[in-house]
Amino acid sequence: MNTNKEIELTRDVDAVQIPSGESIHLPVGTKVMITQSLGGTYTVATQAGLARIAASNADALGLDTTSEAGATKSAPEQLAADGDLEGAVWEQLKAVYDPEIPVNIVDLGLVYDCQINENDAGVKEVTVKMTLTAPGCGMGPTIAADARNKIISLEDIEDAVVDLVWDPAWNQDMISEEGKMKLGMI
């Protein structure tokens, strides 16, 4: 979604400043423009720069997300139901986006490893190692938290740990073919 029209917030909203990752407060009446809507979050342009608004605050943007919920299972839910929990985790990670780049973190090549472990009590925990396009990115903790939240939303997963790592250093060669197409690189 890229509305290219100014929207006035209908209520106060807590958001995340891009790229610093700092929490900010946007009061009712703030004029914003949605620049990206991917992975259940909204990147908005404000007079103070870019900010990221969570899906739970979509109503403040005048958006109705209730119609998006359907009776059919999502791809990750179906994979999990079919016993492919690892596939379900990877699909969930494909729903996580850097708020400045319209490509998911998997196709950007930011996810290096994904392990599912089960303890003696049958509790399943996912451990993900991922990186960022730049080590100084203030959005790193926010993106990692998004990844964790997407993973633990799967019914069979009890916990998830998302570690930010810097080795090997990310480079554009790590972007998938699909990601390169979306970015106009091929």
Protein backbone atom coordinates (compact mmCIF):
# COMPACT_ATOMS: atom_id res chain seq x y z
CA MET A 1 0.00 0.00 0.00
CA ASN A 2 1.38 3.37 -1.00
CA THR A 3 -1.45 5.87 -0.73
CA ASN A 4 0.48 8.99 -1.83
CA LYS A 5 -2.09 11.08 -0.01
CA GLU A 6 -1.85 12.83 3.30
CA ILE A 7 -3.64 11.19 6.21
CA GLU A 8 -4.39 12.82 9.54
CA LEU A 9 -3.97 10.52 12.55
CA THR A 10 -7.29 9.99 14.31
CA ARG A 11 -5.64 9.30 17.68
CA ASP A 12 -2.27 9.41 19.42
CA VAL A 13 0.16 6.74 18.23
CA ASP A 14 3.48 5.45 19.51
CA ALA A 15 5.83 4.78 16.61
CA VAL A 16 9.47 4.03 15.88
CA GLN A 17 11.66 6.70 14.26
CA ILE A 18 13.49 5.49 11.14
CA PRO A 19 16.44 4.88 10.95
CA SER A 20 17.38 5.60 14.58
CA GLY A 21 14.97 3.05 16.06
CA GLU A 22 13.97 5.45 18.83
CA SER A 23 10.41 5.45 20.16
CA ILE A 24 8.43 8.55 19.28
CA HIS A 25 4.93 9.78 19.97
CA LEU A 26 2.74 11.04 17.13
CA PRO A 27 -0.21 13.04 18.47
CA VAL A 28 -3.73 13.00 17.08
CA GLY A 29 -3.95 15.25 14.03
CA THR A 30 -0.38 14.57 12.86
CA LYS A 31 -0.30 14.54 9.07
CA VAL A 32 1.42 11.47 7.60
CA MET A 33 1.78 9.77 4.24
CA ILE A 34 2.07 5.98 4.02
CA THR A 35 5.19 5.14 2.02
CA GLN A 36 5.26 1.38 2.62
CA SER A 37 2.88 -1.20 4.04
CA LEU A 38 4.55 -4.59 4.25
CA GLY A 39 4.63 -7.33 6.85
CA GLY A 40 1.84 -5.80 8.89
CA THR A 41 3.56 -2.49 9.60
CA TYR A 42 3.26 0.95 8.06
CA THR A 43 6.16 3.23 7.18
CA VAL A 44 4.92 6.80 7.18
CA ALA A 45 6.49 10.09 6.20
CA THR A 46 5.98 12.86 8.74
CA GLN A 47 7.32 16.40 8.94
CA ALA A 48 9.97 14.98 11.31
CA GLY A 49 11.02 12.21 8.88
CA LEU A 50 10.10 8.55 8.51
CA ALA A 51 8.37 6.56 11.25
CA ARG A 52 7.04 3.05 11.57
CA ILE A 53 3.56 2.37 12.89
CA ALA A 54 2.54 -1.10 14.08
CA ALA A 55 -0.46 -2.93 12.63
CA SER A 56 -2.21 -2.58 16.00
CA ASN A 57 -2.42 1.16 15.27
CA ALA A 58 -3.78 0.86 11.72
CA ASP A 59 -7.10 2.32 12.85
CA ALA A 60 -5.35 5.61 13.65
CA LEU A 61 -4.45 5.75 9.95
CA GLY A 62 -8.11 5.21 9.05
CA LEU A 63 -7.46 1.65 7.89
CA ASP A 64 -9.79 -1.27 8.55
CA THR A 65 -7.74 -4.45 8.91
CA THR A 66 -10.60 -6.64 10.14
CA SER A 67 -11.58 -7.59 6.59
CA GLU A 68 -8.06 -9.01 6.01
CA ALA A 69 -8.69 -11.92 8.36
CA GLY A 70 -10.07 -14.91 6.52
CA ALA A 71 -11.31 -18.35 7.45
CA THR A 72 -8.55 -20.11 5.51
CA LYS A 73 -5.15 -20.83 6.99
CA SER A 74 -2.20 -18.68 5.98
CA ALA A 75 0.73 -20.35 4.20
CA PRO A 76 2.80 -20.58 7.41
CA GLU A 77 -0.15 -21.99 9.37
CA GLN A 78 -0.78 -24.60 6.66
CA LEU A 79 2.89 -25.60 6.56
CA ALA A 80 2.90 -26.02 10.35
CA ALA A 81 -0.32 -28.05 10.22
CA ASP A 82 1.29 -30.28 7.56
CA GLY A 83 4.28 -30.90 9.86
CA ASP A 84 6.74 -28.59 8.08
CA LEU A 85 7.51 -26.35 11.04
CA GLU A 86 10.81 -25.16 9.62
CA GLY A 87 9.08 -24.15 6.38
CA ALA A 88 6.47 -22.32 8.44
CA VAL A 89 9.18 -20.40 10.31
CA TRP A 90 10.86 -19.38 7.05
CA GLU A 91 7.50 -18.21 5.66
CA GLN A 92 6.96 -16.12 8.81
CA LEU A 93 10.40 -14.57 8.36
CA LYS A 94 9.40 -13.62 4.80
CA ALA A 95 6.73 -11.39 6.39
CA VAL A 96 9.40 -9.25 8.13
CA TYR A 97 10.62 -6.14 6.35
CA ASP A 98 13.16 -3.43 6.83
CA PRO A 99 10.95 -0.31 6.89
CA GLU A 100 13.09 1.39 4.25
CA ILE A 101 13.44 -1.52 1.82
CA PRO A 102 10.46 -3.21 0.12
CA VAL A 103 12.05 -6.68 0.27
CA ASN A 104 11.64 -9.17 3.13
CA ILE A 105 14.60 -10.09 5.32
CA VAL A 106 14.89 -13.59 3.83
CA ASP A 107 15.11 -12.35 0.23
CA LEU A 108 17.50 -9.60 1.35
CA GLY A 109 19.80 -12.38 2.54
CA LEU A 110 19.76 -11.14 6.13
CA VAL A 111 18.82 -14.49 7.71
CA TYR A 112 21.88 -16.71 8.06
CA ASP A 113 20.55 -19.59 10.13
CA CYS A 114 17.33 -20.98 11.56
CA GLN A 115 17.27 -23.87 14.02
CA ILE A 116 14.30 -25.50 15.76
CA ASN A 117 15.11 -27.28 19.00
CA GLU A 118 12.83 -29.34 21.19
CA ASN A 119 13.63 -29.95 24.86
CA ASP A 120 12.76 -33.07 26.90
CA ALA A 121 9.38 -31.58 27.79
CA GLY A 122 8.50 -31.19 24.11
CA VAL A 123 8.83 -27.38 24.12
CA LYS A 124 9.95 -26.06 20.74
CA GLU A 125 12.23 -23.03 20.51
CA VAL A 126 13.54 -21.38 17.38
CA THR A 127 16.95 -19.75 17.18
CA VAL A 128 17.63 -17.40 14.27
CA LYS A 129 20.88 -15.72 13.34
CA MET A 130 20.43 -12.67 11.20
CA THR A 131 22.28 -9.56 10.23
CA LEU A 132 21.44 -6.10 8.90
CA THR A 133 22.42 -4.25 5.74
CA ALA A 134 24.51 -1.90 7.92
CA PRO A 135 25.87 -2.53 11.43
CA GLY A 136 24.88 0.95 12.65
CA CYS A 137 21.21 0.56 11.74
CA GLY A 138 19.12 1.67 14.71
CA MET A 139 16.20 -0.42 13.46
CA GLY A 140 18.05 -3.68 14.15
CA PRO A 141 16.39 -4.43 17.50
CA THR A 142 12.98 -3.56 16.05
CA ILE A 143 13.44 -5.83 13.03
CA ALA A 144 14.72 -8.64 15.26
CA ALA A 145 11.70 -8.20 17.57
CA ASP A 146 9.39 -8.36 14.53
CA ALA A 147 11.03 -11.61 13.46
CA ARG A 148 10.66 -13.08 16.95
CA ASN A 149 7.00 -12.05 17.19
CA LYS A 150 6.21 -13.57 13.79
CA ILE A 151 7.88 -16.83 14.79
CA ILE A 152 6.20 -17.18 18.18
CA SER A 153 2.82 -16.52 16.60
CA LEU A 154 3.05 -20.05 15.19
CA GLU A 155 0.99 -22.42 17.31
CA ASP A 156 3.69 -25.03 17.94
CA ILE A 157 6.49 -22.61 18.87
CA GLU A 158 6.93 -21.71 22.54
CA ASP A 159 9.84 -19.27 22.23
CA ALA A 160 12.24 -17.74 19.74
CA VAL A 161 15.61 -16.07 20.01
CA VAL A 162 16.78 -13.80 17.21
CA ASP A 163 20.48 -12.98 17.42
CA LEU A 164 21.97 -10.14 15.40
CA VAL A 165 25.36 -11.21 14.05
CA TRP A 166 27.91 -9.39 11.89
CA ASP A 167 29.93 -12.27 10.52
CA PRO A 168 29.88 -12.76 7.66
CA ALA A 169 29.31 -9.15 6.70
CA TRP A 170 26.21 -8.68 4.54
CA ASN A 171 26.64 -7.65 0.91
CA GLN A 172 24.33 -7.27 -2.08
CA ASP A 173 25.36 -10.64 -3.49
CA MET A 174 23.32 -12.22 -0.66
CA ILE A 175 20.05 -10.86 -2.07
CA SER A 176 17.90 -13.54 -3.73
CA GLU A 177 16.92 -13.35 -7.39
CA GLU A 178 13.39 -12.36 -6.33
CA GLY A 179 14.76 -9.63 -4.09
CA LYS A 180 17.00 -8.30 -6.84
CA MET A 181 14.02 -8.19 -9.21
CA LYS A 182 11.96 -6.21 -6.67
CA LEU A 183 14.85 -3.78 -6.23
CA GLY A 184 15.34 -3.41 -9.99
CA MET A 185 18.86 -4.89 -9.81
CA ILE A 186 18.22 -7.36 -12.66
